[in-house]
Amino acid sequence: MSKVRVSSFSISIDGFGAGARQDLQNPLGVRGPEMFSWFFQTDVWKKMQGESGGGQGVDNQMAERAFENVGAWILGRNMFGPVRGPWPDESWKGWWGDEPPYHVPVFVLTHHVRKPLAMQGGTTFHFVTDGAESALKRAREAAAGKDVRIGGGVSTIRQYLLAGQIDEMHLAMSPVLMGEGEHLFAGINLQQLGFRVAQSVAGENATHILIEKRQ
């Protein structure tokens, strides 16, 4: 059965999923990359950069699992890029170069119309202006029985959590104290939403926690 899931989402020990003051120079927010250090050292990440020599251990295995059986993604506008408000033009095509790492349809939540953007490697960005529910419906259809991965950012995950539409989350908890930024669970009672901790695995540079809905 297909799932709506969050995978390999990095958070700090104090619960932040992004740093403060995100912009073109700080796409993950100030100090945000510290939370993703575990991922940057994996073989999965190195291969995305056309490099070799990444780690092959638990962190890498969890990163590999995050891409398995994914038929579509949903991203918030900020995850696609730092452009705010109406699109000034269509020159911004994401952070990832000509061949993004998705290789499936990606649905971007935005308030501003933009035509679909086809990239190399099978990724097409679809810009959804009629809300999160519509994006999820379209993503499920595009996934054709595979999982829909909610890629982020924090506000997008929170929106789908509060709507009761996420089945499971894989969180990679990095040994970092952010102190400020976007908090993933502030004001959200995961137990009341029906979640339980299903698994906790120690990686080389992060602790991987699987949270899933009770059956």
N, C-alpha and C. Protein backbone atom coordinates (compact mmCIF):
# COMPACT_ATOMS: atom_id res chain seq x y z
N MET A 1 0.84 -1.20 0.00
CA MET A 1 0.00 0.00 0.00
C MET A 1 0.88 1.25 0.00
N SER A 2 0.52 2.22 -0.81
CA SER A 2 1.32 3.44 -0.89
C SER A 2 1.17 4.26 0.38
N LYS A 3 2.21 5.05 0.68
CA LYS A 3 2.23 5.88 1.88
C LYS A 3 2.55 7.31 1.51
N VAL A 4 2.17 8.21 2.39
CA VAL A 4 2.65 9.58 2.36
C VAL A 4 3.68 9.68 3.47
N ARG A 5 4.90 10.01 3.13
CA ARG A 5 5.95 9.89 4.12
C ARG A 5 6.97 11.03 4.04
N VAL A 6 7.63 11.23 5.16
CA VAL A 6 8.78 12.13 5.26
C VAL A 6 9.99 11.24 5.47
N SER A 7 11.06 11.46 4.73
CA SER A 7 12.22 10.57 4.82
C SER A 7 13.52 11.37 4.89
N SER A 8 14.43 10.89 5.74
CA SER A 8 15.76 11.51 5.87
C SER A 8 15.66 13.01 6.15
N PHE A 9 14.68 13.40 6.95
CA PHE A 9 14.54 14.82 7.26
C PHE A 9 15.39 15.13 8.50
N SER A 10 16.35 16.01 8.33
CA SER A 10 17.30 16.31 9.40
C SER A 10 16.71 17.29 10.40
N ILE A 11 16.87 16.98 11.67
CA ILE A 11 16.47 17.91 12.73
C ILE A 11 17.59 17.98 13.77
N SER A 12 17.61 19.07 14.51
CA SER A 12 18.57 19.22 15.60
C SER A 12 18.03 18.56 16.86
N ILE A 13 18.87 18.43 17.86
CA ILE A 13 18.44 17.84 19.12
C ILE A 13 17.30 18.65 19.74
N ASP A 14 17.34 19.98 19.54
CA ASP A 14 16.29 20.81 20.12
C ASP A 14 15.11 21.02 19.16
N GLY A 15 15.02 20.20 18.12
CA GLY A 15 13.79 20.10 17.34
C GLY A 15 13.64 21.02 16.16
N PHE A 16 14.70 21.71 15.76
CA PHE A 16 14.61 22.60 14.61
C PHE A 16 14.90 21.85 13.32
N GLY A 17 14.14 22.17 12.26
CA GLY A 17 14.33 21.53 10.97
C GLY A 17 14.95 22.43 9.93
N ALA A 18 15.18 23.68 10.29
CA ALA A 18 15.86 24.64 9.42
C ALA A 18 16.42 25.74 10.29
N GLY A 19 17.49 26.35 9.83
CA GLY A 19 18.06 27.48 10.55
C GLY A 19 17.27 28.75 10.30
N ALA A 20 17.66 29.79 10.98
CA ALA A 20 17.00 31.09 10.82
C ALA A 20 17.54 31.80 9.59
N ARG A 21 16.75 32.74 9.09
CA ARG A 21 17.15 33.68 8.04
C ARG A 21 17.60 32.97 6.76
N GLN A 22 16.71 32.17 6.21
CA GLN A 22 16.99 31.49 4.95
C GLN A 22 17.04 32.50 3.80
N ASP A 23 18.05 32.37 2.94
CA ASP A 23 18.15 33.21 1.75
C ASP A 23 19.03 32.50 0.74
N LEU A 24 19.39 33.21 -0.33
CA LEU A 24 20.18 32.59 -1.39
C LEU A 24 21.52 32.08 -0.88
N GLN A 25 22.12 32.81 0.05
CA GLN A 25 23.41 32.40 0.60
C GLN A 25 23.27 31.33 1.68
N ASN A 26 22.09 31.27 2.29
CA ASN A 26 21.84 30.30 3.37
C ASN A 26 20.53 29.56 3.09
N PRO A 27 20.51 28.68 2.08
CA PRO A 27 19.26 28.01 1.71
C PRO A 27 18.67 27.15 2.82
N LEU A 28 19.50 26.67 3.74
CA LEU A 28 19.03 25.87 4.86
C LEU A 28 18.93 26.70 6.13
N GLY A 29 19.11 28.02 6.00
CA GLY A 29 19.14 28.90 7.15
C GLY A 29 20.54 28.96 7.73
N VAL A 30 20.77 29.97 8.55
CA VAL A 30 22.07 30.11 9.21
C VAL A 30 22.35 28.88 10.08
N ARG A 31 23.46 28.25 9.87
CA ARG A 31 23.91 27.04 10.55
C ARG A 31 23.11 25.79 10.14
N GLY A 32 22.18 25.95 9.22
CA GLY A 32 21.38 24.80 8.78
C GLY A 32 22.20 23.62 8.29
N PRO A 33 23.28 23.85 7.51
CA PRO A 33 24.06 22.71 7.03
C PRO A 33 24.62 21.80 8.13
N GLU A 34 24.75 22.33 9.34
CA GLU A 34 25.25 21.50 10.44
C GLU A 34 24.32 20.31 10.69
N MET A 35 23.02 20.51 10.50
CA MET A 35 22.06 19.43 10.72
C MET A 35 22.16 18.36 9.64
N PHE A 36 22.69 18.73 8.47
CA PHE A 36 22.76 17.82 7.33
C PHE A 36 24.14 17.22 7.16
N SER A 37 25.03 17.47 8.11
CA SER A 37 26.40 16.97 7.99
C SER A 37 26.44 15.46 7.80
N TRP A 38 25.55 14.74 8.49
CA TRP A 38 25.51 13.28 8.36
C TRP A 38 25.28 12.86 6.91
N PHE A 39 24.39 13.58 6.22
CA PHE A 39 24.03 13.23 4.84
C PHE A 39 25.15 13.58 3.87
N PHE A 40 25.81 14.71 4.10
CA PHE A 40 26.86 15.15 3.20
C PHE A 40 28.05 14.19 3.18
N GLN A 41 28.14 13.32 4.17
CA GLN A 41 29.26 12.37 4.24
C GLN A 41 28.92 11.00 3.66
N THR A 42 27.69 10.81 3.19
CA THR A 42 27.27 9.50 2.69
C THR A 42 27.64 9.31 1.22
N ASP A 43 27.68 8.04 0.82
CA ASP A 43 27.93 7.71 -0.57
C ASP A 43 26.79 8.22 -1.47
N VAL A 44 25.56 8.20 -0.93
CA VAL A 44 24.41 8.71 -1.69
C VAL A 44 24.64 10.16 -2.09
N TRP A 45 25.04 11.00 -1.15
CA TRP A 45 25.27 12.41 -1.44
C TRP A 45 26.45 12.59 -2.39
N LYS A 46 27.53 11.89 -2.13
CA LYS A 46 28.72 12.04 -2.97
C LYS A 46 28.39 11.71 -4.43
N LYS A 47 27.62 10.66 -4.64
CA LYS A 47 27.27 10.28 -6.01
C LYS A 47 26.40 11.35 -6.67
N MET A 48 25.54 11.99 -5.89
CA MET A 48 24.74 13.08 -6.43
C MET A 48 25.62 14.22 -6.96
N GLN A 49 26.79 14.37 -6.34
CA GLN A 49 27.71 15.43 -6.73
C GLN A 49 28.73 14.96 -7.78
N GLY A 50 28.55 13.72 -8.25
CA GLY A 50 29.49 13.17 -9.22
C GLY A 50 30.83 12.80 -8.60
N GLU A 51 30.81 12.53 -7.29
CA GLU A 51 32.03 12.19 -6.57
C GLU A 51 31.95 10.76 -6.05
N SER A 52 33.04 10.31 -5.47
CA SER A 52 33.09 8.98 -4.87
C SER A 52 33.70 9.10 -3.48
N GLY A 53 33.73 7.97 -2.76
CA GLY A 53 34.40 7.96 -1.47
C GLY A 53 33.52 8.28 -0.29
N GLY A 54 32.20 8.31 -0.48
CA GLY A 54 31.31 8.57 0.64
C GLY A 54 31.17 7.37 1.56
N GLY A 55 30.63 7.61 2.75
CA GLY A 55 30.44 6.55 3.73
C GLY A 55 29.42 5.52 3.26
N GLN A 56 29.65 4.27 3.68
CA GLN A 56 28.79 3.15 3.27
C GLN A 56 28.03 2.56 4.45
N GLY A 57 28.06 3.21 5.58
CA GLY A 57 27.49 2.63 6.79
C GLY A 57 26.00 2.86 6.96
N VAL A 58 25.58 2.93 8.22
CA VAL A 58 24.15 3.05 8.55
C VAL A 58 23.55 4.33 7.97
N ASP A 59 24.25 5.44 8.12
CA ASP A 59 23.72 6.70 7.59
C ASP A 59 23.43 6.57 6.09
N ASN A 60 24.34 5.96 5.37
CA ASN A 60 24.15 5.79 3.93
C ASN A 60 22.98 4.85 3.63
N GLN A 61 22.86 3.80 4.41
CA GLN A 61 21.74 2.87 4.20
C GLN A 61 20.40 3.56 4.41
N MET A 62 20.33 4.42 5.41
CA MET A 62 19.08 5.13 5.67
C MET A 62 18.80 6.15 4.56
N ALA A 63 19.84 6.77 4.05
CA ALA A 63 19.67 7.70 2.94
C ALA A 63 19.19 6.97 1.69
N GLU A 64 19.71 5.78 1.45
CA GLU A 64 19.27 4.99 0.29
C GLU A 64 17.79 4.62 0.42
N ARG A 65 17.40 4.20 1.61
CA ARG A 65 16.00 3.82 1.84
C ARG A 65 15.04 4.97 1.58
N ALA A 66 15.52 6.19 1.80
CA ALA A 66 14.65 7.35 1.64
C ALA A 66 14.20 7.56 0.20
N PHE A 67 14.95 7.00 -0.76
CA PHE A 67 14.61 7.18 -2.17
C PHE A 67 13.87 5.97 -2.74
N GLU A 68 13.71 4.92 -1.94
CA GLU A 68 13.07 3.71 -2.45
C GLU A 68 11.56 3.88 -2.56
N ASN A 69 10.99 3.39 -3.64
CA ASN A 69 9.54 3.32 -3.86
C ASN A 69 8.87 4.70 -3.83
N VAL A 70 9.60 5.74 -4.19
CA VAL A 70 9.01 7.08 -4.24
C VAL A 70 8.54 7.36 -5.66
N GLY A 71 7.24 7.66 -5.80
CA GLY A 71 6.68 7.93 -7.11
C GLY A 71 6.42 9.39 -7.39
N ALA A 72 6.43 10.23 -6.34
CA ALA A 72 6.22 11.67 -6.50
C ALA A 72 6.66 12.36 -5.21
N TRP A 73 7.01 13.62 -5.34
CA TRP A 73 7.41 14.45 -4.21
C TRP A 73 6.48 15.66 -4.10
N ILE A 74 6.42 16.22 -2.87
CA ILE A 74 5.79 17.52 -2.64
C ILE A 74 6.80 18.40 -1.91
N LEU A 75 7.00 19.61 -2.42
CA LEU A 75 7.90 20.58 -1.80
C LEU A 75 7.17 21.89 -1.56
N GLY A 76 7.56 22.57 -0.51
CA GLY A 76 7.12 23.94 -0.32
C GLY A 76 7.89 24.87 -1.25
N ARG A 77 7.36 26.05 -1.43
CA ARG A 77 7.99 27.02 -2.34
C ARG A 77 9.45 27.29 -1.95
N ASN A 78 9.72 27.44 -0.65
CA ASN A 78 11.08 27.75 -0.22
C ASN A 78 12.06 26.62 -0.50
N MET A 79 11.56 25.40 -0.55
CA MET A 79 12.44 24.27 -0.88
C MET A 79 12.86 24.31 -2.34
N PHE A 80 12.02 24.87 -3.20
CA PHE A 80 12.38 24.98 -4.61
C PHE A 80 13.37 26.10 -4.84
N GLY A 81 13.23 27.18 -4.10
CA GLY A 81 14.16 28.28 -4.31
C GLY A 81 13.87 29.47 -3.43
N PRO A 82 14.77 30.46 -3.42
CA PRO A 82 14.66 31.61 -2.53
C PRO A 82 13.79 32.73 -3.09
N VAL A 83 13.23 32.55 -4.27
CA VAL A 83 12.44 33.59 -4.91
C VAL A 83 11.12 33.77 -4.15
N ARG A 84 10.80 34.99 -3.77
CA ARG A 84 9.58 35.27 -3.02
C ARG A 84 8.59 36.03 -3.91
N GLY A 85 7.31 35.87 -3.63
CA GLY A 85 6.30 36.61 -4.35
C GLY A 85 6.13 36.10 -5.78
N PRO A 86 5.55 36.92 -6.65
CA PRO A 86 5.37 36.51 -8.04
C PRO A 86 6.71 36.19 -8.69
N TRP A 87 6.69 35.22 -9.59
CA TRP A 87 7.92 34.85 -10.30
C TRP A 87 8.33 36.01 -11.21
N PRO A 88 9.50 36.60 -11.02
CA PRO A 88 9.92 37.70 -11.88
C PRO A 88 10.17 37.24 -13.32
N ASP A 89 10.61 35.99 -13.43
CA ASP A 89 10.82 35.34 -14.72
C ASP A 89 10.95 33.85 -14.42
N GLU A 90 11.35 33.06 -15.40
CA GLU A 90 11.47 31.61 -15.18
C GLU A 90 12.92 31.16 -15.22
N SER A 91 13.82 32.07 -14.87
CA SER A 91 15.24 31.72 -14.91
C SER A 91 15.66 30.81 -13.76
N TRP A 92 14.98 30.93 -12.60
CA TRP A 92 15.33 30.07 -11.45
C TRP A 92 14.74 28.69 -11.67
N LYS A 93 15.59 27.67 -11.68
CA LYS A 93 15.16 26.31 -11.93
C LYS A 93 15.50 25.35 -10.79
N GLY A 94 15.68 25.92 -9.60
CA GLY A 94 15.97 25.07 -8.44
C GLY A 94 17.45 25.10 -8.09
N TRP A 95 17.75 24.42 -6.99
CA TRP A 95 19.11 24.42 -6.44
C TRP A 95 20.01 23.37 -7.08
N TRP A 96 19.49 22.50 -7.94
CA TRP A 96 20.15 21.23 -8.20
C TRP A 96 20.81 21.11 -9.57
N GLY A 97 20.85 22.18 -10.35
CA GLY A 97 21.44 22.08 -11.68
C GLY A 97 20.46 21.49 -12.68
N ASP A 98 21.00 21.02 -13.79
CA ASP A 98 20.15 20.55 -14.88
C ASP A 98 19.46 19.23 -14.59
N GLU A 99 20.03 18.42 -13.66
CA GLU A 99 19.45 17.11 -13.35
C GLU A 99 19.21 16.98 -11.85
N PRO A 100 18.04 17.41 -11.37
CA PRO A 100 17.73 17.30 -9.94
C PRO A 100 17.69 15.83 -9.50
N PRO A 101 17.79 15.59 -8.18
CA PRO A 101 17.88 14.22 -7.67
C PRO A 101 16.56 13.49 -7.54
N TYR A 102 15.46 14.06 -8.03
CA TYR A 102 14.14 13.48 -7.77
C TYR A 102 13.77 12.39 -8.77
N HIS A 103 13.91 12.66 -10.06
CA HIS A 103 13.68 11.68 -11.14
C HIS A 103 12.22 11.21 -11.22
N VAL A 104 11.32 11.97 -10.63
CA VAL A 104 9.87 11.70 -10.68
C VAL A 104 9.18 13.06 -10.66
N PRO A 105 7.86 13.11 -10.84
CA PRO A 105 7.15 14.39 -10.73
C PRO A 105 7.27 15.00 -9.33
N VAL A 106 7.46 16.31 -9.28
CA VAL A 106 7.57 17.05 -8.03
C VAL A 106 6.54 18.17 -8.04
N PHE A 107 5.74 18.25 -6.97
CA PHE A 107 4.67 19.23 -6.89
C PHE A 107 5.06 20.30 -5.87
N VAL A 108 5.19 21.53 -6.34
CA VAL A 108 5.68 22.65 -5.54
C VAL A 108 4.50 23.53 -5.13
N LEU A 109 4.32 23.72 -3.83
CA LEU A 109 3.25 24.58 -3.33
C LEU A 109 3.63 26.04 -3.50
N THR A 110 2.77 26.80 -4.13
CA THR A 110 3.04 28.22 -4.35
C THR A 110 1.71 28.96 -4.52
N HIS A 111 1.76 30.27 -4.35
CA HIS A 111 0.58 31.09 -4.60
C HIS A 111 0.62 31.73 -5.99
N HIS A 112 1.69 31.44 -6.73
CA HIS A 112 1.90 32.17 -7.98
C HIS A 112 2.08 31.19 -9.15
N VAL A 113 1.31 31.42 -10.19
CA VAL A 113 1.26 30.51 -11.33
C VAL A 113 2.60 30.46 -12.05
N ARG A 114 2.97 29.25 -12.43
CA ARG A 114 4.14 29.03 -13.28
C ARG A 114 3.92 27.74 -14.04
N LYS A 115 4.30 27.70 -15.29
CA LYS A 115 4.09 26.50 -16.09
C LYS A 115 5.04 25.40 -15.65
N PRO A 116 4.70 24.12 -15.87
CA PRO A 116 5.57 23.01 -15.47
C PRO A 116 6.97 23.15 -16.06
N LEU A 117 7.93 22.68 -15.28
CA LEU A 117 9.35 22.79 -15.64
C LEU A 117 9.95 21.39 -15.74
N ALA A 118 10.22 20.94 -16.95
CA ALA A 118 10.81 19.62 -17.19
C ALA A 118 12.33 19.72 -17.15
N MET A 119 12.95 18.84 -16.37
CA MET A 119 14.41 18.82 -16.22
C MET A 119 14.96 17.48 -16.71
N GLN A 120 16.26 17.39 -16.77
CA GLN A 120 16.89 16.14 -17.16
C GLN A 120 16.68 15.07 -16.08
N GLY A 121 16.66 13.82 -16.50
CA GLY A 121 16.59 12.71 -15.55
C GLY A 121 15.21 12.35 -15.08
N GLY A 122 14.17 12.91 -15.71
CA GLY A 122 12.81 12.51 -15.36
C GLY A 122 12.10 13.38 -14.35
N THR A 123 12.75 14.43 -13.84
CA THR A 123 12.10 15.34 -12.90
C THR A 123 11.30 16.39 -13.66
N THR A 124 10.03 16.55 -13.31
CA THR A 124 9.24 17.68 -13.78
C THR A 124 8.62 18.37 -12.57
N PHE A 125 8.89 19.66 -12.44
CA PHE A 125 8.30 20.45 -11.35
C PHE A 125 6.95 20.98 -11.81
N HIS A 126 5.91 20.70 -11.00
CA HIS A 126 4.57 21.21 -11.25
C HIS A 126 4.25 22.19 -10.13
N PHE A 127 3.82 23.39 -10.48
CA PHE A 127 3.59 24.44 -9.50
C PHE A 127 2.09 24.52 -9.19
N VAL A 128 1.76 24.20 -7.93
CA VAL A 128 0.37 24.01 -7.51
C VAL A 128 -0.09 25.25 -6.75
N THR A 129 -1.13 25.90 -7.26
CA THR A 129 -1.61 27.14 -6.65
C THR A 129 -2.92 26.99 -5.89
N ASP A 130 -3.50 25.79 -5.91
CA ASP A 130 -4.81 25.62 -5.26
C ASP A 130 -4.74 24.78 -3.99
N GLY A 131 -3.58 24.81 -3.32
CA GLY A 131 -3.52 24.28 -1.97
C GLY A 131 -2.86 22.91 -1.82
N ALA A 132 -2.59 22.59 -0.54
CA ALA A 132 -1.87 21.37 -0.20
C ALA A 132 -2.67 20.11 -0.53
N GLU A 133 -3.98 20.18 -0.32
CA GLU A 133 -4.82 19.01 -0.60
C GLU A 133 -4.79 18.67 -2.09
N SER A 134 -4.86 19.70 -2.91
CA SER A 134 -4.80 19.48 -4.36
C SER A 134 -3.45 18.91 -4.76
N ALA A 135 -2.37 19.42 -4.15
CA ALA A 135 -1.04 18.91 -4.46
C ALA A 135 -0.92 17.43 -4.11
N LEU A 136 -1.48 17.05 -2.96
CA LEU A 136 -1.41 15.64 -2.55
C LEU A 136 -2.22 14.76 -3.49
N LYS A 137 -3.39 15.23 -3.90
CA LYS A 137 -4.20 14.45 -4.83
C LYS A 137 -3.46 14.23 -6.14
N ARG A 138 -2.85 15.28 -6.66
CA ARG A 138 -2.11 15.17 -7.91
C ARG A 138 -0.87 14.29 -7.74
N ALA A 139 -0.21 14.40 -6.60
CA ALA A 139 0.98 13.59 -6.35
C ALA A 139 0.62 12.11 -6.25
N ARG A 140 -0.48 11.80 -5.58
CA ARG A 140 -0.91 10.39 -5.49
C ARG A 140 -1.17 9.82 -6.88
N GLU A 141 -1.84 10.60 -7.71
CA GLU A 141 -2.14 10.13 -9.06
C GLU A 141 -0.85 9.91 -9.85
N ALA A 142 0.08 10.84 -9.73
CA ALA A 142 1.34 10.73 -10.46
C ALA A 142 2.18 9.57 -9.95
N ALA A 143 2.10 9.29 -8.64
CA ALA A 143 2.90 8.21 -8.05
C ALA A 143 2.45 6.84 -8.49
N ALA A 144 1.21 6.71 -8.93
CA ALA A 144 0.69 5.45 -9.51
C ALA A 144 0.94 4.25 -8.61
N GLY A 145 0.58 4.39 -7.33
CA GLY A 145 0.70 3.28 -6.40
C GLY A 145 1.97 3.28 -5.57
N LYS A 146 2.95 4.10 -5.94
CA LYS A 146 4.15 4.24 -5.12
C LYS A 146 3.92 5.30 -4.04
N ASP A 147 4.93 5.53 -3.21
CA ASP A 147 4.80 6.47 -2.10
C ASP A 147 4.93 7.91 -2.58
N VAL A 148 4.31 8.81 -1.82
CA VAL A 148 4.50 10.25 -2.01
C VAL A 148 5.40 10.73 -0.88
N ARG A 149 6.50 11.36 -1.24
CA ARG A 149 7.44 11.86 -0.23
C ARG A 149 7.26 13.36 -0.05
N ILE A 150 7.00 13.77 1.19
CA ILE A 150 6.91 15.18 1.53
C ILE A 150 8.33 15.64 1.85
N GLY A 151 8.92 16.42 0.96
CA GLY A 151 10.32 16.77 1.11
C GLY A 151 10.59 17.91 2.08
N GLY A 152 9.60 18.72 2.35
CA GLY A 152 9.79 19.87 3.22
C GLY A 152 9.42 21.15 2.50
N GLY A 153 9.72 22.29 3.08
CA GLY A 153 10.39 22.44 4.34
C GLY A 153 9.48 22.22 5.54
N VAL A 154 9.91 22.82 6.65
CA VAL A 154 9.24 22.60 7.92
C VAL A 154 7.76 22.95 7.85
N SER A 155 7.42 24.10 7.31
CA SER A 155 6.01 24.52 7.30
C SER A 155 5.15 23.59 6.47
N THR A 156 5.71 23.04 5.40
CA THR A 156 4.96 22.10 4.56
C THR A 156 4.70 20.80 5.31
N ILE A 157 5.70 20.28 5.99
CA ILE A 157 5.52 19.05 6.78
C ILE A 157 4.48 19.29 7.87
N ARG A 158 4.58 20.41 8.56
CA ARG A 158 3.62 20.72 9.63
C ARG A 158 2.20 20.77 9.08
N GLN A 159 2.04 21.35 7.90
CA GLN A 159 0.71 21.46 7.31
C GLN A 159 0.10 20.09 7.05
N TYR A 160 0.89 19.19 6.48
CA TYR A 160 0.37 17.85 6.20
C TYR A 160 0.20 17.02 7.48
N LEU A 161 1.07 17.25 8.46
CA LEU A 161 0.89 16.57 9.75
C LEU A 161 -0.43 16.94 10.40
N LEU A 162 -0.69 18.23 10.48
CA LEU A 162 -1.89 18.70 11.15
C LEU A 162 -3.16 18.29 10.40
N ALA A 163 -3.02 18.05 9.11
CA ALA A 163 -4.16 17.58 8.32
C ALA A 163 -4.34 16.07 8.42
N GLY A 164 -3.45 15.40 9.15
CA GLY A 164 -3.56 13.95 9.33
C GLY A 164 -3.21 13.14 8.10
N GLN A 165 -2.36 13.68 7.23
CA GLN A 165 -2.12 13.05 5.94
C GLN A 165 -0.75 12.38 5.81
N ILE A 166 0.04 12.41 6.86
CA ILE A 166 1.35 11.75 6.83
C ILE A 166 1.27 10.42 7.55
N ASP A 167 1.76 9.37 6.90
CA ASP A 167 1.71 8.02 7.47
C ASP A 167 2.94 7.69 8.31
N GLU A 168 4.11 8.16 7.88
CA GLU A 168 5.32 7.86 8.63
C GLU A 168 6.38 8.93 8.37
N MET A 169 7.28 9.06 9.34
CA MET A 169 8.38 10.01 9.22
C MET A 169 9.68 9.34 9.65
N HIS A 170 10.69 9.50 8.82
CA HIS A 170 12.06 9.13 9.19
C HIS A 170 12.81 10.42 9.45
N LEU A 171 13.15 10.64 10.72
CA LEU A 171 13.88 11.83 11.14
C LEU A 171 15.33 11.46 11.44
N ALA A 172 16.25 12.25 10.91
CA ALA A 172 17.68 12.05 11.21
C ALA A 172 18.08 13.13 12.21
N MET A 173 18.22 12.73 13.46
CA MET A 173 18.53 13.69 14.52
C MET A 173 20.04 13.88 14.62
N SER A 174 20.48 15.08 14.31
CA SER A 174 21.90 15.40 14.34
C SER A 174 22.29 15.94 15.71
N PRO A 175 23.51 15.66 16.18
CA PRO A 175 23.95 16.13 17.50
C PRO A 175 24.33 17.61 17.46
N VAL A 176 23.32 18.44 17.22
CA VAL A 176 23.51 19.88 17.07
C VAL A 176 22.41 20.59 17.85
N LEU A 177 22.76 21.67 18.53
CA LEU A 177 21.78 22.55 19.17
C LEU A 177 21.69 23.83 18.34
N MET A 178 20.54 24.06 17.73
CA MET A 178 20.38 25.23 16.87
C MET A 178 19.99 26.47 17.66
N GLY A 179 19.06 26.32 18.59
CA GLY A 179 18.65 27.47 19.40
C GLY A 179 17.62 28.36 18.74
N GLU A 180 17.60 28.42 17.40
CA GLU A 180 16.64 29.24 16.68
C GLU A 180 16.45 28.66 15.29
N GLY A 181 15.40 29.11 14.63
CA GLY A 181 15.09 28.62 13.29
C GLY A 181 13.63 28.21 13.22
N GLU A 182 13.34 27.22 12.39
CA GLU A 182 11.97 26.71 12.25
C GLU A 182 11.85 25.41 13.03
N HIS A 183 10.99 25.42 14.04
CA HIS A 183 10.80 24.24 14.90
C HIS A 183 9.78 23.31 14.25
N LEU A 184 10.13 22.04 14.18
CA LEU A 184 9.28 21.09 13.45
C LEU A 184 7.99 20.76 14.18
N PHE A 185 8.03 20.61 15.49
CA PHE A 185 6.87 20.09 16.21
C PHE A 185 6.25 21.06 17.21
N ALA A 186 6.63 22.30 17.20
CA ALA A 186 6.08 23.26 18.17
C ALA A 186 4.56 23.29 18.08
N GLY A 187 3.90 23.01 19.22
CA GLY A 187 2.45 23.04 19.27
C GLY A 187 1.76 21.83 18.67
N ILE A 188 2.53 20.83 18.27
CA ILE A 188 1.94 19.63 17.67
C ILE A 188 2.10 18.46 18.63
N ASN A 189 0.99 17.79 18.93
CA ASN A 189 1.00 16.62 19.82
C ASN A 189 0.97 15.36 18.94
N LEU A 190 2.13 14.79 18.70
CA LEU A 190 2.22 13.63 17.81
C LEU A 190 1.46 12.43 18.36
N GLN A 191 1.45 12.27 19.68
CA GLN A 191 0.72 11.14 20.26
C GLN A 191 -0.78 11.26 19.99
N GLN A 192 -1.31 12.46 20.14
CA GLN A 192 -2.73 12.66 19.85
C GLN A 192 -3.04 12.47 18.37
N LEU A 193 -2.06 12.72 17.53
CA LEU A 193 -2.26 12.50 16.09
C LEU A 193 -2.13 11.03 15.72
N GLY A 194 -1.79 10.19 16.70
CA GLY A 194 -1.77 8.75 16.46
C GLY A 194 -0.42 8.16 16.10
N PHE A 195 0.66 8.89 16.36
CA PHE A 195 1.99 8.39 16.00
C PHE A 195 2.64 7.65 17.16
N ARG A 196 3.55 6.77 16.80
CA ARG A 196 4.39 6.08 17.78
C ARG A 196 5.79 5.95 17.21
N VAL A 197 6.77 5.80 18.09
CA VAL A 197 8.14 5.56 17.65
C VAL A 197 8.27 4.08 17.34
N ALA A 198 8.55 3.77 16.08
CA ALA A 198 8.63 2.38 15.64
C ALA A 198 10.06 1.84 15.66
N GLN A 199 11.04 2.75 15.50
CA GLN A 199 12.43 2.27 15.41
C GLN A 199 13.38 3.43 15.69
N SER A 200 14.49 3.11 16.30
CA SER A 200 15.56 4.08 16.51
C SER A 200 16.88 3.39 16.20
N VAL A 201 17.64 3.96 15.28
CA VAL A 201 18.88 3.34 14.83
C VAL A 201 20.01 4.36 14.92
N ALA A 202 21.10 3.98 15.57
CA ALA A 202 22.25 4.86 15.67
C ALA A 202 23.10 4.77 14.41
N GLY A 203 23.27 5.89 13.75
CA GLY A 203 24.16 5.96 12.61
C GLY A 203 25.51 6.49 13.03
N GLU A 204 26.36 6.72 12.05
CA GLU A 204 27.69 7.23 12.35
C GLU A 204 27.65 8.68 12.81
N ASN A 205 26.76 9.48 12.23
CA ASN A 205 26.73 10.91 12.51
C ASN A 205 25.34 11.45 12.81
N ALA A 206 24.35 10.57 12.92
CA ALA A 206 22.98 10.96 13.28
C ALA A 206 22.26 9.75 13.88
N THR A 207 21.20 10.02 14.61
CA THR A 207 20.33 8.96 15.11
C THR A 207 19.06 8.97 14.26
N HIS A 208 18.71 7.83 13.71
CA HIS A 208 17.60 7.74 12.78
C HIS A 208 16.37 7.19 13.51
N ILE A 209 15.31 7.98 13.49
CA ILE A 209 14.10 7.65 14.24
C ILE A 209 12.94 7.51 13.25
N LEU A 210 12.28 6.37 13.30
CA LEU A 210 11.10 6.14 12.46
C LEU A 210 9.86 6.29 13.31
N ILE A 211 9.00 7.24 12.93
CA ILE A 211 7.74 7.49 13.61
C ILE A 211 6.63 7.15 12.64
N GLU A 212 5.67 6.33 13.08
CA GLU A 212 4.61 5.92 12.16
C GLU A 212 3.25 5.94 12.85
N LYS A 213 2.21 6.00 12.04
CA LYS A 213 0.85 5.98 12.56
C LYS A 213 0.54 4.59 13.13
N ARG A 214 -0.15 4.57 14.25
CA ARG A 214 -0.58 3.30 14.83
C ARG A 214 -1.62 2.66 13.92
N GLN A 215 -1.53 1.37 13.81
CA GLN A 215 -2.51 0.63 12.99
C GLN A 215 -3.77 0.34 13.79
